[in-house]
Each structure stands twice: as structure tokens, then as C-alpha cells.
């Protein structure tokens, strides 16, 4: 991955984390790696555990950020979440997947769209 993509991705995750915190979520972990994939953000709100996939783009000229959460990506996310839940049995039974789409560039204004409970 190029340095530009890494910087953009990290910025998008920071924007998403700030957004979640401002909307009453408690951030539990970031960039959780497993053999099944990576979870960008693990958060909670009330008694709900929320796995958040963050997608960042500088614009939507070619596609919206959320369009990159394909069925294949969803399968990886489900596997990573199952691994997380097995490692953290105290997390409970109530959980969901959200996608936060971020458009913009570091140092500029971010456009944020939050899609809740997107993977069934």
C-alpha cells in the first residue's frame, strides 16, 4: 500500500472514531487483526457491540466509499467478528456491523455517512 493510501486510510479512521465518540459510542479497539481479517473499529453503544468498517475516498467520482464493501469483504468481516467474539466472550450476544464512509482529504473537511446494521 502506498504511503498516500495509508495516510488517507488512517485519517479516515481517525475521523470515523471522532464521529462515533461524538455520537455516544465507546471506542473499545482499533485495527484488530486476526487470521480472518481486520476490524477497523470495535465500539459499543448501550449494550450493543458494533464492528465498524471504515472506507475513505478523496471523492466519489469513480465510486462511493461504501461501494467497496462487497459480499466478499462482508464475508471476511463476519469471519473476523466471529474470531473477535470467540476471543471476547464477555462481549455479549448483541452486535452489528456498521460502515462509515468518509470523503475528503487530510487537513480538509470530511463528509461522513454512517450506515448502520449493514451485514445480516
Protein backbone atom coordinates (compact mmCIF):
# COMPACT_ATOMS: atom_id res chain seq x y z
CA UNK A 1 0.00 0.00 0.00
CA UNK A 2 1.35 3.39 -0.90
CA UNK A 3 2.11 5.95 1.76
CA UNK A 4 -0.66 8.22 0.39
CA UNK A 5 -3.25 5.46 0.81
CA UNK A 6 -2.01 4.70 4.32
CA UNK A 7 -2.20 8.36 5.33
CA UNK A 8 -5.68 8.70 3.82
CA UNK A 9 -6.87 5.49 5.47
CA UNK A 10 -5.54 6.46 8.89
CA UNK A 11 -7.11 9.91 8.57
CA UNK A 12 -10.47 8.34 7.66
CA UNK A 13 -10.33 6.02 10.64
CA UNK A 14 -9.50 8.95 12.94
CA UNK A 15 -12.44 10.93 11.51
CA UNK A 16 -14.74 7.92 12.00
CA UNK A 17 -13.52 7.37 15.58
CA UNK A 18 -14.15 11.03 16.43
CA UNK A 19 -17.60 10.84 14.83
CA UNK A 20 -18.52 7.75 16.83
CA UNK A 21 -17.30 9.25 20.10
CA UNK A 22 -19.32 12.41 19.43
CA UNK A 23 -22.42 10.27 18.84
CA UNK A 24 -22.26 8.39 22.14
CA UNK A 25 -20.24 5.33 21.18
CA UNK A 26 -17.47 3.99 23.39
CA UNK A 27 -14.42 3.03 21.37
CA UNK A 28 -13.10 -0.33 22.53
CA UNK A 29 -10.39 -1.20 19.99
CA UNK A 30 -8.99 -0.16 16.63
CA UNK A 31 -7.29 -2.16 13.91
CA UNK A 32 -7.98 -5.58 15.42
CA UNK A 33 -6.09 -8.19 13.39
CA UNK A 34 -6.94 -11.86 13.18
CA UNK A 35 -6.21 -14.69 10.78
CA UNK A 36 -9.59 -13.89 9.21
CA UNK A 37 -9.04 -10.19 8.54
CA UNK A 38 -9.02 -6.82 10.24
CA UNK A 39 -11.72 -4.95 12.10
CA UNK A 40 -11.19 -1.20 11.75
CA UNK A 41 -13.10 -0.17 14.88
CA UNK A 42 -14.83 -2.09 17.64
CA UNK A 43 -17.16 0.11 19.64
CA UNK A 44 -20.18 -0.15 21.89
CA UNK A 45 -23.30 1.86 22.44
CA UNK A 46 -25.74 1.00 25.19
CA UNK A 47 -25.47 -2.81 25.32
CA UNK A 48 -24.70 -3.25 21.63
CA UNK A 49 -21.28 -4.22 20.29
CA UNK A 50 -20.59 -2.53 16.96
CA UNK A 51 -17.99 -3.61 14.41
CA UNK A 52 -17.25 -0.65 12.15
CA UNK A 53 -15.72 -0.87 8.69
CA UNK A 54 -14.32 2.50 7.58
CA UNK A 55 -13.99 3.30 3.90
CA UNK A 56 -12.26 6.51 2.86
CA UNK A 57 -12.04 8.14 -0.56
CA UNK A 58 -10.95 11.57 -1.70
CA UNK A 59 -14.08 11.81 -3.89
CA UNK A 60 -16.84 9.67 -5.32
CA UNK A 61 -16.05 10.34 -8.98
CA UNK A 62 -15.39 6.63 -9.64
CA UNK A 63 -17.40 5.09 -6.77
CA UNK A 64 -18.73 5.91 -3.34
CA UNK A 65 -16.59 4.68 -0.43
CA UNK A 66 -19.30 2.30 0.78
CA UNK A 67 -19.42 0.58 -2.62
CA UNK A 68 -16.16 -1.18 -1.79
CA UNK A 69 -17.81 -3.25 0.95
CA UNK A 70 -18.53 -6.15 -1.39
CA UNK A 71 -20.08 -9.51 -0.48
CA UNK A 72 -16.56 -10.94 -0.36
CA UNK A 73 -15.44 -8.19 2.04
CA UNK A 74 -18.55 -8.80 4.15
CA UNK A 75 -17.63 -12.49 4.45
CA UNK A 76 -14.14 -11.54 5.69
CA UNK A 77 -15.65 -9.11 8.18
CA UNK A 78 -18.03 -11.76 9.52
CA UNK A 79 -15.13 -14.19 9.98
CA UNK A 80 -13.07 -11.54 11.77
CA UNK A 81 -16.04 -10.69 14.01
CA UNK A 82 -16.60 -14.35 14.87
CA UNK A 83 -12.94 -14.64 15.87
CA UNK A 84 -13.27 -11.48 17.99
CA UNK A 85 -16.41 -12.77 19.71
CA UNK A 86 -14.73 -16.10 20.50
CA UNK A 87 -11.75 -14.28 22.00
CA UNK A 88 -14.05 -11.92 23.96
CA UNK A 89 -16.99 -14.00 25.25
CA UNK A 90 -17.84 -11.19 27.67
CA UNK A 91 -18.91 -9.08 24.68
CA UNK A 92 -22.44 -10.47 24.78
CA UNK A 93 -24.84 -11.60 22.10
CA UNK A 94 -26.00 -8.26 20.69
CA UNK A 95 -23.79 -6.98 17.88
CA UNK A 96 -23.97 -5.43 14.46
CA UNK A 97 -21.85 -4.20 11.57
CA UNK A 98 -21.77 -0.57 10.54
CA UNK A 99 -19.96 1.12 7.67
CA UNK A 100 -18.70 4.66 7.93
CA UNK A 101 -17.94 6.25 4.58
CA UNK A 102 -15.57 9.20 4.69
CA UNK A 103 -14.89 11.52 1.76
CA UNK A 104 -12.25 14.22 1.82
CA UNK A 105 -8.55 14.71 2.35
CA UNK A 106 -6.40 15.11 5.45
CA UNK A 107 -6.45 18.72 6.57
CA UNK A 108 -9.73 19.33 4.75
CA UNK A 109 -13.39 18.94 5.55
CA UNK A 110 -14.67 15.38 5.84
CA UNK A 111 -18.05 14.25 4.58
CA UNK A 112 -19.29 11.36 6.71
CA UNK A 113 -22.10 8.91 6.09
CA UNK A 114 -22.92 6.27 8.70
CA UNK A 115 -24.66 3.09 7.57
CA UNK A 116 -25.94 1.05 10.50
CA UNK A 117 -26.51 -2.70 10.72
CA UNK A 118 -25.42 -3.38 7.15
CA UNK A 119 -24.48 -7.07 7.30
CA UNK A 120 -27.07 -9.65 8.26
